[in-house]
Each structure stands twice: as structure tokens, then as C-alpha cells.
Amino acid sequence: MEFFDSRPAVTQLGLAYGPGIPGFLDSNPAAVDYVELPFEQLRHSPELASIQDAVPLILHCASMSVAGFVPPSETTVQAIGRAAARTRSPWIGEHLAFVSADGINEAAERDSAPTNLTYTICPQLSEETVERVAANLASLRSCFEVPIILENSPQYFAIPGSTMNMVDFIGEVASRCEVGLLLDLSHFLITSLNTGVDAVKELERMPLERVVEVHVSGLSAQSDIVWDDHASPAPPEIFVLLERVLERVRPRALTLEYNWSAFPQPLLLSHIADTRKALAGA
């Protein structure tokens, strides 16, 4: 457990790759310490790896289906490994979720192809899923030269068949597996608001000693549900949670996920400065 037990003196601050990031880096070459690059974008556009000529990269991923019952293809796993090596990423951030499921016609056609859900889905929060996560991680770890860290999913509704809440689920995974965590504070607040629990009290129960990286992004409310929103800046409530995290642990990295639109550079610079102050004051 040395990987997530050893702590840096300073938390690195980065940006998730999105529209406008190359231009922002050209104009502000010293503004951030790294860029977090999605594997799926790199797979589609290999030339994006050239960003590391200007700033280090961290690889993020949404293709392993760690909390699912249909494994990724060997081709995909090999491609993730090559991407991690090419970007020299210190770890691979992956969602505690699933992106593939049994084929729709599975009952009628046993050989039907898995269904690609195109986006990560919050899993059933149950002992069965915890066991599946442990088995999947055991299988995947040997495929990569760097560790996998797991990101908490946003929960938008009660998951059928669940027997525990999100914090209990993450705690069970952490107790079963020697794995670091990617704590998405926006996902955490979204889940708390949508399930009617106190985010600050729930954060106290989280195994924060496992947190390697933190994500910060915006959120929005539609139809009485709070949603993930990387096109808006994080609200003050997120930074309240960040302060509580920093009271207990020093993560290695903090990523601002403002990557669904091209943020105005003055606004982005302002949030970077405010986040650096929060990290320095911890």
C-alpha cells in the first residue's frame, strides 16, 4: 500500500483536457502542473500525446468497466497499457462503474455481443458488485505497469438491488482491495444531494487515506435531479468539501474538470489561483 501511503509535500494542480486547453497552455505555460487526458480521446486522436512536450500527462479512462460483469476486450486493455506507457502517466484513473453490459438478446442468443453503454454507469451498490470489483482489479492490475485508482460515480437515483449507500460501497471496495481512490468531489456532492444525505458527514466516513487524486467540476439541477456539469465552474460547496479533505489528507494531484466547453481564460486563471490558495493553506 506504499503507493497511496506516501504523500507529497505539494499537491500538483492540473486541468482535464478539453476545448481550448492547447490555446490556454500556449498563453499560460506555467499555469498548471499537468493535463489529464482521457484514454478514449487519445485512442481516437493519437496526436494529442504531443501535449506532453509542454506539460506532463495523467491518463484517465472510462473503458475498463471495473464494476461491471462484462470485461473489456483484450484489444482495449492492451491499448490502455500502450497509452499509459506513451503518456508516462504515474497512474490510470478509472471509474468505479461499468460501461459494458450483457447483450440485449442474451436470453435468446447466448453469443450476442455485449452492449456498449457509451458512458460509465453507477453500479448496483451491493456485496456482489464489491466482489466483482475485486476480481476485475485482480485481473487488470497485471496488464499495466502503473497502478489503477478508482473514481466514485455520481448517483442520480436509487440503484435497484442496492444494499448499501455510496460511502459504504467505496469503503467495502477499499477494505477488500489495495487500491487508491480518485475522489471526485462533484460526484460526491451530487450523490449526497440526490440521495438526501449530508455531504460533510458522509465525507467523514470516507477512507480519505486512500485518496491519490481529487476531481473538481461544476454541477447543475434539472427536473429535481442534480447532474454532473463540466461546462460550469465548481460552486462554493465543493471547496468546503475540499477543505475538509485537506484537513485529513494531502492528495498527489487535483484536477479541475472544466472540459465540456472552452472556458474564458480569465475565469479559468481565477479558479486555478483560488484552488492553489486552498491547497497552500491546508
Protein backbone atom coordinates (compact mmCIF):
# COMPACT_ATOMS: atom_id res chain seq x y z
CA MET A 1 0.00 0.00 0.00
CA GLU A 2 3.07 2.23 -0.28
CA PHE A 3 1.72 3.97 -3.39
CA PHE A 4 -1.09 5.78 -1.59
CA ASP A 5 0.52 5.87 1.85
CA SER A 6 3.44 8.08 0.78
CA ARG A 7 2.39 11.72 0.48
CA PRO A 8 3.92 14.65 -1.44
CA ALA A 9 4.81 17.96 0.16
CA VAL A 10 2.84 19.79 -2.54
CA THR A 11 -0.28 18.72 -4.41
CA GLN A 12 0.06 19.08 -8.18
CA LEU A 13 -2.73 21.04 -9.92
CA GLY A 14 -3.94 20.12 -13.38
CA LEU A 15 -6.67 20.53 -15.97
CA ALA A 16 -8.72 17.91 -17.74
CA TYR A 17 -8.21 18.06 -21.49
CA GLY A 18 -10.98 19.79 -23.41
CA PRO A 19 -11.70 22.55 -25.95
CA GLY A 20 -9.37 25.47 -25.57
CA ILE A 21 -6.75 23.69 -23.46
CA PRO A 22 -3.97 23.78 -26.11
CA GLY A 23 -4.50 27.51 -26.61
CA PHE A 24 -4.66 28.07 -22.86
CA LEU A 25 -1.35 26.26 -22.38
CA ASP A 26 0.25 28.31 -25.14
CA SER A 27 -0.82 31.52 -23.42
CA ASN A 28 -0.19 30.34 -19.87
CA PRO A 29 2.61 27.75 -19.99
CA ALA A 30 3.23 27.75 -16.22
CA ALA A 31 -0.40 27.86 -15.05
CA VAL A 32 -0.82 24.14 -14.31
CA ASP A 33 1.41 21.19 -13.48
CA TYR A 34 -0.18 18.62 -15.79
CA VAL A 35 -3.09 17.83 -18.10
CA GLU A 36 -5.36 14.85 -17.52
CA LEU A 37 -6.06 13.19 -20.87
CA PRO A 38 -8.89 10.68 -21.46
CA PHE A 39 -7.74 7.41 -22.98
CA GLU A 40 -10.76 7.41 -25.29
CA GLN A 41 -9.78 10.76 -26.82
CA LEU A 42 -6.16 9.69 -27.17
CA ARG A 43 -7.23 6.46 -28.85
CA HIS A 44 -9.27 8.44 -31.38
CA SER A 45 -6.65 11.20 -31.80
CA PRO A 46 -3.15 9.84 -31.06
CA GLU A 47 -1.59 13.22 -31.86
CA LEU A 48 -2.91 14.54 -28.54
CA ALA A 49 0.02 12.81 -26.84
CA SER A 50 2.19 15.67 -28.10
CA ILE A 51 0.75 17.80 -25.28
CA GLN A 52 3.38 16.19 -23.06
CA ASP A 53 6.01 18.20 -24.94
CA ALA A 54 4.69 21.18 -22.96
CA VAL A 55 3.28 19.66 -19.78
CA PRO A 56 3.14 16.19 -18.14
CA LEU A 57 0.10 13.99 -18.72
CA ILE A 58 -2.06 11.83 -16.46
CA LEU A 59 -4.18 9.20 -18.17
CA HIS A 60 -7.87 8.99 -17.33
CA CYS A 61 -10.07 6.13 -18.51
CA ALA A 62 -13.70 5.08 -18.91
CA SER A 63 -13.28 1.77 -20.70
CA MET A 64 -12.34 -0.91 -18.15
CA SER A 65 -15.85 -1.46 -16.73
CA VAL A 66 -14.29 -2.23 -13.34
CA ALA A 67 -17.65 -2.53 -11.57
CA GLY A 68 -19.29 -4.48 -14.39
CA PHE A 69 -19.84 -8.12 -15.27
CA VAL A 70 -18.69 -7.86 -18.90
CA PRO A 71 -14.91 -7.35 -19.16
CA PRO A 72 -13.26 -5.05 -21.71
CA SER A 73 -11.79 -6.63 -24.79
CA GLU A 74 -8.16 -7.67 -24.78
CA THR A 75 -7.58 -5.15 -27.57
CA THR A 76 -8.89 -2.33 -25.39
CA VAL A 77 -6.82 -3.38 -22.37
CA GLN A 78 -3.68 -3.54 -24.50
CA ALA A 79 -4.45 -0.10 -25.95
CA ILE A 80 -4.84 1.36 -22.45
CA GLY A 81 -1.48 -0.10 -21.48
CA ARG A 82 0.20 1.42 -24.53
CA ALA A 83 -1.44 4.78 -23.80
CA ALA A 84 -0.23 4.72 -20.20
CA ALA A 85 3.31 3.98 -21.36
CA ARG A 86 3.20 6.59 -24.11
CA THR A 87 1.95 9.35 -21.81
CA ARG A 88 4.27 8.28 -18.96
CA SER A 89 1.26 8.54 -16.67
CA PRO A 90 2.01 7.90 -12.97
CA TRP A 91 -1.32 6.05 -12.61
CA ILE A 92 -4.51 5.31 -14.54
CA GLY A 93 -7.68 6.87 -13.18
CA GLU A 94 -10.71 4.66 -13.85
CA HIS A 95 -14.37 4.92 -12.85
CA LEU A 96 -15.87 2.70 -10.16
CA ALA A 97 -18.61 1.99 -12.67
CA PHE A 98 -19.40 -0.08 -15.74
CA VAL A 99 -19.57 0.77 -19.42
CA SER A 100 -20.43 -2.62 -20.93
CA ALA A 101 -23.35 -4.95 -20.22
CA ASP A 102 -24.74 -8.24 -21.47
CA GLY A 103 -26.27 -8.12 -24.91
CA ILE A 104 -29.94 -7.17 -25.05
CA ASN A 105 -30.82 -10.51 -26.63
CA GLU A 106 -28.69 -12.54 -24.23
CA ALA A 107 -31.53 -14.87 -23.22
CA ALA A 108 -32.31 -15.74 -26.82
CA GLU A 109 -28.81 -15.55 -28.25
CA ARG A 110 -26.11 -16.71 -25.85
CA ASP A 111 -23.40 -15.45 -28.17
CA SER A 112 -24.82 -11.95 -28.62
CA ALA A 113 -22.28 -9.15 -28.40
CA PRO A 114 -22.04 -7.07 -25.22
CA THR A 115 -23.87 -3.77 -25.19
CA ASN A 116 -21.59 -0.72 -25.10
CA LEU A 117 -23.37 1.87 -22.97
CA THR A 118 -21.07 4.64 -24.30
CA TYR A 119 -20.82 6.24 -20.84
CA THR A 120 -19.93 4.95 -17.40
CA ILE A 121 -22.92 3.88 -15.28
CA CYS A 122 -23.12 3.81 -11.47
CA PRO A 123 -23.30 0.13 -10.48
CA GLN A 124 -25.59 -1.65 -8.07
CA LEU A 125 -24.17 -0.93 -4.61
CA SER A 126 -24.04 -4.44 -3.22
CA GLU A 127 -21.72 -7.13 -1.91
CA GLU A 128 -21.95 -8.92 -5.26
CA THR A 129 -20.60 -5.84 -7.04
CA VAL A 130 -17.83 -5.41 -4.45
CA GLU A 131 -16.72 -8.98 -5.18
CA ARG A 132 -16.83 -8.28 -8.90
CA VAL A 133 -14.70 -5.13 -8.49
CA ALA A 134 -12.12 -7.11 -6.51
CA ALA A 135 -12.00 -9.83 -9.17
CA ASN A 136 -11.77 -7.34 -12.04
CA LEU A 137 -8.97 -5.38 -10.37
CA ALA A 138 -7.02 -8.55 -9.70
CA SER A 139 -7.27 -9.41 -13.38
CA LEU A 140 -6.48 -5.92 -14.72
CA ARG A 141 -3.56 -4.99 -12.49
CA SER A 142 -1.16 -7.37 -14.15
CA CYS A 143 -1.86 -5.70 -17.51
CA PHE A 144 -0.36 -2.33 -16.57
CA GLU A 145 2.96 -1.10 -15.25
CA VAL A 146 1.32 1.68 -13.19
CA PRO A 147 -1.46 1.49 -10.57
CA ILE A 148 -5.17 1.87 -11.24
CA ILE A 149 -7.03 4.32 -8.99
CA LEU A 150 -10.83 4.28 -8.74
CA GLU A 151 -13.17 7.26 -9.12
CA ASN A 152 -16.52 7.43 -7.31
CA SER A 153 -19.54 7.63 -9.65
CA PRO A 154 -22.28 10.25 -9.46
CA GLN A 155 -25.55 8.68 -8.33
CA TYR A 156 -28.69 10.17 -9.86
CA PHE A 157 -31.34 7.80 -8.45
CA ALA A 158 -31.74 4.80 -6.15
CA ILE A 159 -30.00 1.85 -7.82
CA PRO A 160 -32.27 -1.24 -7.89
CA GLY A 161 -30.96 -4.10 -5.78
CA SER A 162 -28.52 -1.95 -3.79
CA THR A 163 -27.92 -2.93 -0.16
CA MET A 164 -25.62 -0.07 0.88
CA ASN A 165 -25.07 3.60 0.14
CA MET A 166 -22.17 5.03 -1.88
CA VAL A 167 -19.79 5.68 1.02
CA ASP A 168 -20.35 2.19 2.42
CA PHE A 169 -19.77 0.72 -1.04
CA ILE A 170 -16.50 2.61 -1.51
CA GLY A 171 -15.43 1.61 1.99
CA GLU A 172 -16.09 -2.06 1.23
CA VAL A 173 -14.08 -1.84 -2.00
CA ALA A 174 -11.21 -0.14 -0.16
CA SER A 175 -11.22 -2.77 2.59
CA ARG A 176 -11.23 -5.61 0.04
CA CYS A 177 -8.69 -4.17 -2.40
CA GLU A 178 -5.34 -2.42 -2.01
CA VAL A 179 -6.34 0.36 -4.37
CA GLY A 180 -6.02 4.13 -4.38
CA LEU A 181 -9.00 6.42 -4.86
CA LEU A 182 -9.75 9.28 -7.21
CA LEU A 183 -12.19 11.35 -5.15
CA ASP A 184 -14.47 13.31 -7.45
CA LEU A 185 -15.89 15.92 -5.08
CA SER A 186 -18.56 17.00 -7.55
CA HIS A 187 -19.74 13.40 -7.95
CA PHE A 188 -19.69 13.11 -4.17
CA LEU A 189 -21.85 16.20 -3.67
CA ILE A 190 -24.20 15.17 -6.49
CA THR A 191 -24.70 11.77 -4.89
CA SER A 192 -25.31 13.31 -1.47
CA LEU A 193 -27.88 15.79 -2.80
CA ASN A 194 -29.71 13.21 -4.92
CA THR A 195 -29.88 10.64 -2.12
CA GLY A 196 -30.69 13.08 0.70
CA VAL A 197 -27.61 12.67 2.91
CA ASP A 198 -25.32 15.25 4.50
CA ALA A 199 -22.23 15.53 2.29
CA VAL A 200 -19.94 16.78 5.08
CA LYS A 201 -20.95 13.98 7.46
CA GLU A 202 -20.61 11.37 4.70
CA LEU A 203 -17.16 12.69 3.82
CA GLU A 204 -16.07 12.00 7.41
CA ARG A 205 -16.79 8.29 6.79
CA MET A 206 -14.77 8.12 3.58
CA PRO A 207 -11.40 6.31 3.56
CA LEU A 208 -9.62 9.54 2.63
CA GLU A 209 -6.24 7.99 3.42
CA ARG A 210 -6.63 6.19 0.08
CA VAL A 211 -7.16 9.37 -1.98
CA VAL A 212 -4.45 9.89 -4.59
CA GLU A 213 -6.20 12.41 -6.84
CA VAL A 214 -9.16 14.78 -6.49
CA HIS A 215 -11.52 15.96 -9.24
CA VAL A 216 -13.38 19.28 -9.09
CA SER A 217 -16.05 20.38 -11.56
CA GLY A 218 -19.44 22.07 -11.75
CA LEU A 219 -22.95 20.72 -11.36
CA SER A 220 -26.44 21.70 -12.44
CA ALA A 221 -30.02 20.96 -11.37
CA GLN A 222 -32.70 19.82 -13.81
CA SER A 223 -36.03 18.12 -13.11
CA ASP A 224 -35.26 17.94 -9.37
CA ILE A 225 -32.04 15.99 -10.03
CA VAL A 226 -28.50 17.31 -9.63
CA TRP A 227 -26.23 16.46 -12.58
CA ASP A 228 -22.54 16.47 -13.35
CA ASP A 229 -21.61 19.56 -15.41
CA HIS A 230 -18.09 20.12 -16.65
CA ALA A 231 -19.21 23.22 -18.55
CA SER A 232 -19.67 25.29 -15.38
CA PRO A 233 -17.27 26.19 -12.57
CA ALA A 234 -17.45 24.42 -9.23
CA PRO A 235 -19.77 26.01 -6.65
CA PRO A 236 -18.54 27.12 -3.19
CA GLU A 237 -19.89 23.91 -1.61
CA ILE A 238 -17.24 21.91 -3.47
CA PHE A 239 -14.45 23.98 -1.93
CA VAL A 240 -15.95 23.48 1.53
CA LEU A 241 -15.62 19.75 0.94
CA LEU A 242 -12.10 20.23 -0.40
CA GLU A 243 -11.10 22.00 2.82
CA ARG A 244 -12.39 19.03 4.83
CA VAL A 245 -10.41 16.62 2.64
CA LEU A 246 -7.22 18.65 3.03
CA GLU A 247 -7.61 18.59 6.81
CA ARG A 248 -7.09 14.83 6.68
CA VAL A 249 -5.01 14.01 3.64
CA ARG A 250 -2.63 15.51 1.09
CA PRO A 251 -3.55 14.14 -2.37
CA ARG A 252 -0.90 13.88 -5.03
CA ALA A 253 -2.98 15.69 -7.64
CA LEU A 254 -6.07 17.86 -8.03
CA THR A 255 -7.71 18.15 -11.44
CA LEU A 256 -10.13 20.88 -12.48
CA GLU A 257 -12.54 19.21 -14.90
CA TYR A 258 -13.70 22.26 -16.81
CA ASN A 259 -13.57 20.43 -20.10
CA TRP A 260 -17.01 20.40 -21.75
CA SER A 261 -16.58 23.88 -23.19
CA ALA A 262 -13.83 26.42 -23.76
CA PHE A 263 -13.78 28.42 -20.52
CA PRO A 264 -12.82 32.10 -20.79
CA GLN A 265 -9.15 32.26 -19.87
CA PRO A 266 -9.60 34.92 -17.12
CA LEU A 267 -12.21 32.73 -15.40
CA LEU A 268 -10.01 29.64 -15.68
CA LEU A 269 -6.99 31.51 -14.34
CA SER A 270 -9.10 32.79 -11.44
CA HIS A 271 -10.21 29.29 -10.46
CA ILE A 272 -6.68 27.96 -10.78
CA ALA A 273 -5.42 30.72 -8.48
CA ASP A 274 -8.21 30.12 -5.94
CA THR A 275 -7.53 26.39 -5.94
CA ARG A 276 -3.80 26.90 -5.44
CA LYS A 277 -4.60 29.13 -2.44
CA ALA A 278 -6.80 26.41 -0.97
CA LEU A 279 -4.03 23.85 -1.43
CA ALA A 280 -1.38 26.16 0.02
CA GLY A 281 -3.50 26.99 3.04
CA ALA A 282 -4.10 23.38 4.01
